[in-house]
N, C-alpha and C. Protein backbone atom coordinates (compact mmCIF):
# COMPACT_ATOMS: atom_id res chain seq x y z
N UNK A 1 -161.66 -58.53 282.52
CA UNK A 1 -161.63 -57.42 283.44
C UNK A 1 -161.28 -56.12 282.73
N UNK A 2 -160.33 -56.18 281.80
CA UNK A 2 -159.92 -55.00 281.05
C UNK A 2 -161.07 -54.47 280.22
N UNK A 3 -161.88 -55.35 279.64
CA UNK A 3 -163.03 -54.93 278.83
C UNK A 3 -164.06 -54.24 279.71
N UNK A 4 -164.26 -54.73 280.93
CA UNK A 4 -165.20 -54.14 281.87
C UNK A 4 -164.77 -52.71 282.24
N UNK A 5 -163.49 -52.50 282.46
CA UNK A 5 -162.99 -51.16 282.76
C UNK A 5 -163.22 -50.21 281.59
N UNK A 6 -162.97 -50.69 280.39
CA UNK A 6 -163.17 -49.85 279.20
C UNK A 6 -164.66 -49.52 279.02
N UNK A 7 -165.52 -50.49 279.29
CA UNK A 7 -166.96 -50.27 279.18
C UNK A 7 -167.42 -49.25 280.21
N UNK A 8 -166.94 -49.36 281.44
CA UNK A 8 -167.28 -48.39 282.48
C UNK A 8 -166.80 -46.99 282.11
N UNK A 9 -165.60 -46.89 281.58
CA UNK A 9 -165.08 -45.60 281.16
C UNK A 9 -165.93 -45.02 280.04
N UNK A 10 -166.32 -45.85 279.10
CA UNK A 10 -167.17 -45.39 278.00
C UNK A 10 -168.51 -44.89 278.53
N UNK A 11 -169.09 -45.58 279.49
CA UNK A 11 -170.37 -45.16 280.07
C UNK A 11 -170.21 -43.83 280.79
N UNK A 12 -169.15 -43.65 281.53
CA UNK A 12 -168.90 -42.39 282.23
C UNK A 12 -168.76 -41.25 281.23
N UNK A 13 -168.04 -41.47 280.15
CA UNK A 13 -167.85 -40.43 279.14
C UNK A 13 -169.19 -40.06 278.51
N UNK A 14 -170.01 -41.04 278.20
CA UNK A 14 -171.32 -40.76 277.61
C UNK A 14 -172.18 -39.97 278.58
N UNK A 15 -172.16 -40.32 279.85
CA UNK A 15 -172.95 -39.60 280.85
C UNK A 15 -172.47 -38.16 280.96
N UNK A 16 -171.16 -37.96 281.05
CA UNK A 16 -170.63 -36.60 281.15
C UNK A 16 -170.95 -35.79 279.90
N UNK A 17 -170.84 -36.40 278.75
CA UNK A 17 -171.12 -35.69 277.50
C UNK A 17 -172.59 -35.31 277.43
N UNK A 18 -173.47 -36.21 277.83
CA UNK A 18 -174.89 -35.90 277.75
C UNK A 18 -175.28 -34.83 278.75
N UNK A 19 -174.60 -34.77 279.89
CA UNK A 19 -174.89 -33.74 280.89
C UNK A 19 -174.36 -32.38 280.46
N UNK A 20 -173.40 -32.37 279.57
CA UNK A 20 -172.74 -31.13 279.20
C UNK A 20 -173.12 -30.69 277.79
N UNK A 21 -174.37 -30.88 277.42
CA UNK A 21 -174.73 -30.61 276.04
C UNK A 21 -175.47 -29.30 275.80
N UNK A 22 -176.02 -28.69 276.84
CA UNK A 22 -176.73 -27.43 276.62
C UNK A 22 -177.01 -26.75 277.95
N UNK A 23 -177.55 -25.53 277.84
CA UNK A 23 -177.97 -24.75 279.00
C UNK A 23 -179.28 -24.08 278.65
N UNK A 24 -180.01 -23.67 279.66
CA UNK A 24 -181.25 -22.93 279.42
C UNK A 24 -180.91 -21.51 278.97
N UNK A 25 -181.85 -20.82 278.33
CA UNK A 25 -181.60 -19.44 277.91
C UNK A 25 -181.22 -18.52 279.08
N UNK A 26 -181.84 -18.71 280.23
CA UNK A 26 -181.51 -17.88 281.39
C UNK A 26 -180.07 -18.12 281.82
N UNK A 27 -179.65 -19.39 281.84
CA UNK A 27 -178.28 -19.71 282.23
C UNK A 27 -177.28 -19.10 281.26
N UNK A 28 -177.56 -19.17 279.97
CA UNK A 28 -176.67 -18.57 278.97
C UNK A 28 -176.62 -17.06 279.15
N UNK A 29 -177.79 -16.43 279.29
CA UNK A 29 -177.83 -14.97 279.44
C UNK A 29 -177.16 -14.49 280.72
N UNK A 30 -177.15 -15.30 281.74
CA UNK A 30 -176.49 -14.93 283.00
C UNK A 30 -174.99 -15.22 282.98
N UNK A 31 -174.58 -16.23 282.21
CA UNK A 31 -173.19 -16.68 282.25
C UNK A 31 -172.33 -16.02 281.18
N UNK A 32 -172.77 -16.01 279.94
CA UNK A 32 -171.93 -15.52 278.83
C UNK A 32 -171.45 -14.08 279.04
N UNK A 33 -172.33 -13.13 279.39
CA UNK A 33 -171.84 -11.75 279.58
C UNK A 33 -170.76 -11.61 280.64
N UNK A 34 -170.81 -12.47 281.65
CA UNK A 34 -169.78 -12.42 282.71
C UNK A 34 -168.44 -12.95 282.21
N UNK A 35 -168.45 -13.70 281.12
CA UNK A 35 -167.22 -14.29 280.60
C UNK A 35 -166.56 -13.45 279.51
N UNK A 36 -167.27 -12.46 278.98
CA UNK A 36 -166.69 -11.61 277.93
C UNK A 36 -166.10 -10.35 278.52
N UNK A 37 -165.09 -9.84 277.84
CA UNK A 37 -164.52 -8.54 278.20
C UNK A 37 -165.32 -7.44 277.54
N UNK A 38 -165.89 -7.73 276.38
CA UNK A 38 -166.72 -6.79 275.65
C UNK A 38 -168.04 -6.63 276.40
N UNK A 39 -168.68 -5.48 276.18
CA UNK A 39 -169.94 -5.19 276.85
C UNK A 39 -171.09 -5.91 276.15
N UNK A 40 -171.88 -6.65 276.92
CA UNK A 40 -173.08 -7.30 276.41
C UNK A 40 -174.21 -6.27 276.39
N UNK A 41 -174.90 -6.20 275.26
CA UNK A 41 -176.04 -5.29 275.12
C UNK A 41 -177.23 -6.10 274.63
N UNK A 42 -178.37 -5.94 275.29
CA UNK A 42 -179.58 -6.64 274.84
C UNK A 42 -180.05 -6.00 273.53
N UNK A 43 -180.90 -6.70 272.81
CA UNK A 43 -181.41 -6.17 271.54
C UNK A 43 -182.17 -4.87 271.77
N UNK A 44 -182.96 -4.81 272.83
CA UNK A 44 -183.72 -3.59 273.14
C UNK A 44 -182.77 -2.42 273.44
N UNK A 45 -181.72 -2.68 274.21
CA UNK A 45 -180.74 -1.64 274.51
C UNK A 45 -180.02 -1.19 273.24
N UNK A 46 -179.71 -2.13 272.37
CA UNK A 46 -179.03 -1.80 271.11
C UNK A 46 -179.91 -0.91 270.25
N UNK A 47 -181.18 -1.27 270.12
CA UNK A 47 -182.10 -0.46 269.32
C UNK A 47 -182.20 0.96 269.86
N UNK A 48 -182.31 1.08 271.17
CA UNK A 48 -182.41 2.40 271.80
C UNK A 48 -181.11 3.18 271.64
N UNK A 49 -179.97 2.51 271.80
CA UNK A 49 -178.67 3.18 271.68
C UNK A 49 -178.39 3.65 270.26
N UNK A 50 -178.81 2.88 269.28
CA UNK A 50 -178.63 3.29 267.88
C UNK A 50 -179.52 4.49 267.59
N UNK A 51 -180.75 4.44 268.10
CA UNK A 51 -181.68 5.55 267.91
C UNK A 51 -181.15 6.83 268.56
N UNK A 52 -180.54 6.69 269.74
CA UNK A 52 -179.97 7.84 270.46
C UNK A 52 -178.58 8.22 269.96
N UNK A 53 -178.05 7.46 269.00
CA UNK A 53 -176.74 7.68 268.40
C UNK A 53 -175.58 7.56 269.40
N UNK A 54 -175.77 6.70 270.43
CA UNK A 54 -174.68 6.44 271.36
C UNK A 54 -173.94 5.15 270.99
N UNK A 55 -174.52 4.37 270.08
CA UNK A 55 -173.89 3.15 269.57
C UNK A 55 -174.14 3.04 268.08
N UNK A 56 -173.24 2.33 267.41
CA UNK A 56 -173.49 2.01 266.00
C UNK A 56 -173.06 0.58 265.75
N UNK A 57 -173.77 -0.05 264.83
CA UNK A 57 -173.42 -1.41 264.44
C UNK A 57 -172.18 -1.38 263.57
N UNK A 58 -171.28 -2.31 263.82
CA UNK A 58 -170.10 -2.46 262.98
C UNK A 58 -170.28 -3.64 262.03
N UNK A 59 -170.69 -4.79 262.56
CA UNK A 59 -170.95 -5.98 261.75
C UNK A 59 -172.19 -6.65 262.31
N UNK A 60 -173.14 -6.93 261.45
CA UNK A 60 -174.35 -7.64 261.86
C UNK A 60 -174.27 -9.10 261.42
N UNK A 61 -174.93 -9.94 262.19
CA UNK A 61 -175.11 -11.36 261.86
C UNK A 61 -173.79 -12.14 261.75
N UNK A 62 -172.88 -11.87 262.64
CA UNK A 62 -171.64 -12.64 262.68
C UNK A 62 -171.94 -13.99 263.34
N UNK A 63 -171.31 -15.05 262.84
CA UNK A 63 -171.49 -16.38 263.40
C UNK A 63 -170.13 -16.90 263.85
N UNK A 64 -170.10 -17.49 265.04
CA UNK A 64 -168.86 -18.06 265.56
C UNK A 64 -169.15 -19.46 266.09
N UNK A 65 -168.34 -20.41 265.68
CA UNK A 65 -168.44 -21.79 266.16
C UNK A 65 -167.32 -21.98 267.17
N UNK A 66 -167.70 -22.10 268.43
CA UNK A 66 -166.72 -22.19 269.51
C UNK A 66 -166.07 -23.57 269.56
N UNK A 67 -164.79 -23.62 269.88
CA UNK A 67 -164.16 -24.94 270.09
C UNK A 67 -164.90 -25.70 271.19
N UNK A 68 -164.94 -27.00 271.07
CA UNK A 68 -165.66 -27.84 272.02
C UNK A 68 -164.94 -27.84 273.36
N UNK A 69 -165.70 -27.60 274.42
CA UNK A 69 -165.16 -27.66 275.77
C UNK A 69 -165.58 -28.96 276.44
N UNK A 70 -165.03 -29.22 277.61
CA UNK A 70 -165.38 -30.44 278.34
C UNK A 70 -166.78 -30.33 278.93
N UNK A 71 -167.14 -29.13 279.43
CA UNK A 71 -168.45 -28.87 280.01
C UNK A 71 -169.10 -27.70 279.28
N UNK A 72 -170.38 -27.48 279.53
CA UNK A 72 -171.07 -26.37 278.86
C UNK A 72 -170.44 -25.02 279.22
N UNK A 73 -170.00 -24.86 280.46
CA UNK A 73 -169.36 -23.60 280.83
C UNK A 73 -168.07 -23.39 280.03
N UNK A 74 -167.37 -24.48 279.75
CA UNK A 74 -166.16 -24.38 278.91
C UNK A 74 -166.54 -23.96 277.49
N UNK A 75 -167.67 -24.47 276.99
CA UNK A 75 -168.16 -24.03 275.68
C UNK A 75 -168.42 -22.53 275.69
N UNK A 76 -169.06 -22.05 276.76
CA UNK A 76 -169.34 -20.62 276.87
C UNK A 76 -168.06 -19.79 276.99
N UNK A 77 -167.08 -20.30 277.73
CA UNK A 77 -165.79 -19.59 277.82
C UNK A 77 -165.15 -19.47 276.44
N UNK A 78 -165.21 -20.56 275.68
CA UNK A 78 -164.64 -20.54 274.33
C UNK A 78 -165.40 -19.59 273.42
N UNK A 79 -166.72 -19.56 273.55
CA UNK A 79 -167.53 -18.63 272.76
C UNK A 79 -167.22 -17.19 273.15
N UNK A 80 -167.07 -16.94 274.45
CA UNK A 80 -166.77 -15.58 274.93
C UNK A 80 -165.44 -15.09 274.36
N UNK A 81 -164.46 -15.98 274.33
CA UNK A 81 -163.16 -15.61 273.76
C UNK A 81 -163.31 -15.25 272.28
N UNK A 82 -164.06 -16.03 271.54
CA UNK A 82 -164.28 -15.74 270.12
C UNK A 82 -165.04 -14.44 269.91
N UNK A 83 -166.07 -14.21 270.73
CA UNK A 83 -166.82 -12.96 270.62
C UNK A 83 -165.89 -11.78 270.86
N UNK A 84 -165.11 -11.85 271.93
CA UNK A 84 -164.18 -10.75 272.25
C UNK A 84 -163.18 -10.51 271.12
N UNK A 85 -162.68 -11.58 270.53
CA UNK A 85 -161.73 -11.42 269.42
C UNK A 85 -162.39 -10.73 268.23
N UNK A 86 -163.61 -11.12 267.88
CA UNK A 86 -164.29 -10.50 266.75
C UNK A 86 -164.64 -9.04 267.05
N UNK A 87 -165.10 -8.77 268.26
CA UNK A 87 -165.41 -7.38 268.63
C UNK A 87 -164.17 -6.51 268.48
N UNK A 88 -163.05 -7.00 268.97
CA UNK A 88 -161.79 -6.25 268.87
C UNK A 88 -161.36 -6.07 267.42
N UNK A 89 -161.42 -7.17 266.64
CA UNK A 89 -161.04 -7.08 265.22
C UNK A 89 -161.92 -6.11 264.44
N UNK A 90 -163.19 -6.04 264.83
CA UNK A 90 -164.12 -5.12 264.15
C UNK A 90 -163.96 -3.68 264.62
N UNK A 91 -163.16 -3.46 265.66
CA UNK A 91 -162.95 -2.10 266.18
C UNK A 91 -164.03 -1.66 267.14
N UNK A 92 -164.71 -2.61 267.73
CA UNK A 92 -165.81 -2.27 268.63
C UNK A 92 -165.48 -2.51 270.09
N UNK A 93 -166.54 -2.42 270.90
CA UNK A 93 -166.39 -2.66 272.33
C UNK A 93 -167.61 -3.36 272.94
N UNK A 94 -168.60 -3.68 272.09
CA UNK A 94 -169.85 -4.25 272.57
C UNK A 94 -170.38 -5.27 271.57
N UNK A 95 -171.34 -6.08 272.06
CA UNK A 95 -171.97 -7.07 271.18
C UNK A 95 -173.41 -7.31 271.61
N UNK A 96 -174.19 -7.77 270.65
CA UNK A 96 -175.57 -8.17 270.90
C UNK A 96 -175.66 -9.65 270.55
N UNK A 97 -176.02 -10.47 271.52
CA UNK A 97 -176.20 -11.90 271.27
C UNK A 97 -177.54 -12.08 270.56
N UNK A 98 -177.50 -12.60 269.34
CA UNK A 98 -178.71 -12.77 268.55
C UNK A 98 -179.31 -14.17 268.74
N UNK A 99 -178.44 -15.17 268.77
CA UNK A 99 -178.91 -16.55 268.86
C UNK A 99 -177.74 -17.44 269.27
N UNK A 100 -178.08 -18.59 269.80
CA UNK A 100 -177.05 -19.59 270.11
C UNK A 100 -177.70 -20.96 270.01
N UNK A 101 -176.87 -21.96 269.76
CA UNK A 101 -177.38 -23.34 269.75
C UNK A 101 -176.21 -24.30 269.88
N UNK A 102 -176.47 -25.40 270.57
CA UNK A 102 -175.51 -26.48 270.63
C UNK A 102 -175.87 -27.46 269.52
N UNK A 103 -174.91 -27.77 268.67
CA UNK A 103 -175.12 -28.65 267.53
C UNK A 103 -174.39 -29.97 267.80
N UNK A 104 -175.11 -31.07 267.63
CA UNK A 104 -174.49 -32.39 267.78
C UNK A 104 -173.53 -32.62 266.62
N UNK A 105 -172.29 -33.01 266.96
CA UNK A 105 -171.25 -33.11 265.93
C UNK A 105 -170.74 -34.52 265.67
N UNK A 106 -171.18 -35.50 266.47
CA UNK A 106 -170.73 -36.87 266.21
C UNK A 106 -171.76 -37.87 266.74
N UNK A 107 -171.50 -39.13 266.50
CA UNK A 107 -172.44 -40.18 266.91
C UNK A 107 -172.47 -40.44 268.41
N UNK A 108 -171.48 -39.95 269.14
CA UNK A 108 -171.47 -40.16 270.59
C UNK A 108 -172.19 -39.04 271.34
N UNK A 109 -172.74 -38.07 270.62
CA UNK A 109 -173.52 -37.01 271.25
C UNK A 109 -172.75 -35.76 271.61
N UNK A 110 -171.49 -35.66 271.21
CA UNK A 110 -170.72 -34.44 271.49
C UNK A 110 -171.38 -33.25 270.80
N UNK A 111 -171.36 -32.12 271.50
CA UNK A 111 -171.98 -30.92 270.95
C UNK A 111 -170.98 -29.78 270.83
N UNK A 112 -171.30 -28.85 269.95
CA UNK A 112 -170.47 -27.68 269.74
C UNK A 112 -171.37 -26.46 269.74
N UNK A 113 -170.93 -25.41 270.42
CA UNK A 113 -171.73 -24.20 270.57
C UNK A 113 -171.53 -23.26 269.39
N UNK A 114 -172.65 -22.86 268.78
CA UNK A 114 -172.66 -21.87 267.70
C UNK A 114 -173.34 -20.62 268.25
N UNK A 115 -172.71 -19.45 268.07
CA UNK A 115 -173.32 -18.19 268.52
C UNK A 115 -173.42 -17.23 267.35
N UNK A 116 -174.54 -16.52 267.30
CA UNK A 116 -174.76 -15.47 266.32
C UNK A 116 -174.85 -14.16 267.08
N UNK A 117 -174.11 -13.16 266.62
CA UNK A 117 -174.08 -11.89 267.35
C UNK A 117 -173.76 -10.74 266.40
N UNK A 118 -174.04 -9.54 266.86
CA UNK A 118 -173.67 -8.31 266.15
C UNK A 118 -172.57 -7.63 266.95
N UNK A 119 -171.62 -7.01 266.27
CA UNK A 119 -170.61 -6.23 266.98
C UNK A 119 -170.97 -4.75 266.86
N UNK A 120 -170.66 -4.01 267.92
CA UNK A 120 -171.04 -2.60 268.00
C UNK A 120 -169.92 -1.76 268.58
N UNK A 121 -169.99 -0.49 268.32
CA UNK A 121 -169.13 0.49 268.95
C UNK A 121 -170.04 1.45 269.71
N UNK A 122 -169.83 1.54 271.02
CA UNK A 122 -170.67 2.39 271.87
C UNK A 122 -169.80 3.39 272.62
N UNK A 123 -170.38 4.52 272.90
CA UNK A 123 -169.65 5.57 273.66
C UNK A 123 -169.43 5.14 275.08
């Protein structure tokens, strides 16, 4: 009976882990900006703002590996915290999300969110 309980628990963990492994681009674009304190700027807005001299890049191509969360939204919360910390450390107030991906980190299918972004200072 004890083995059956452990097997059921293992199956539940695998199911939860597999359900919490990624999000669609639309879901990420709608969720991540709401979780950051820094201002999210699209690439098109960044290009226009730099051209108009209302923003400047501080650091390009920064990569952050977020701590693993229980669910994908927790991964995004952890990524948002890291983005905000880097933006602040760089002396900025905005960021451009360049890329993101969930990377499988173990044999049980656990994933970790990697984000690539630029930090900016905008008026």
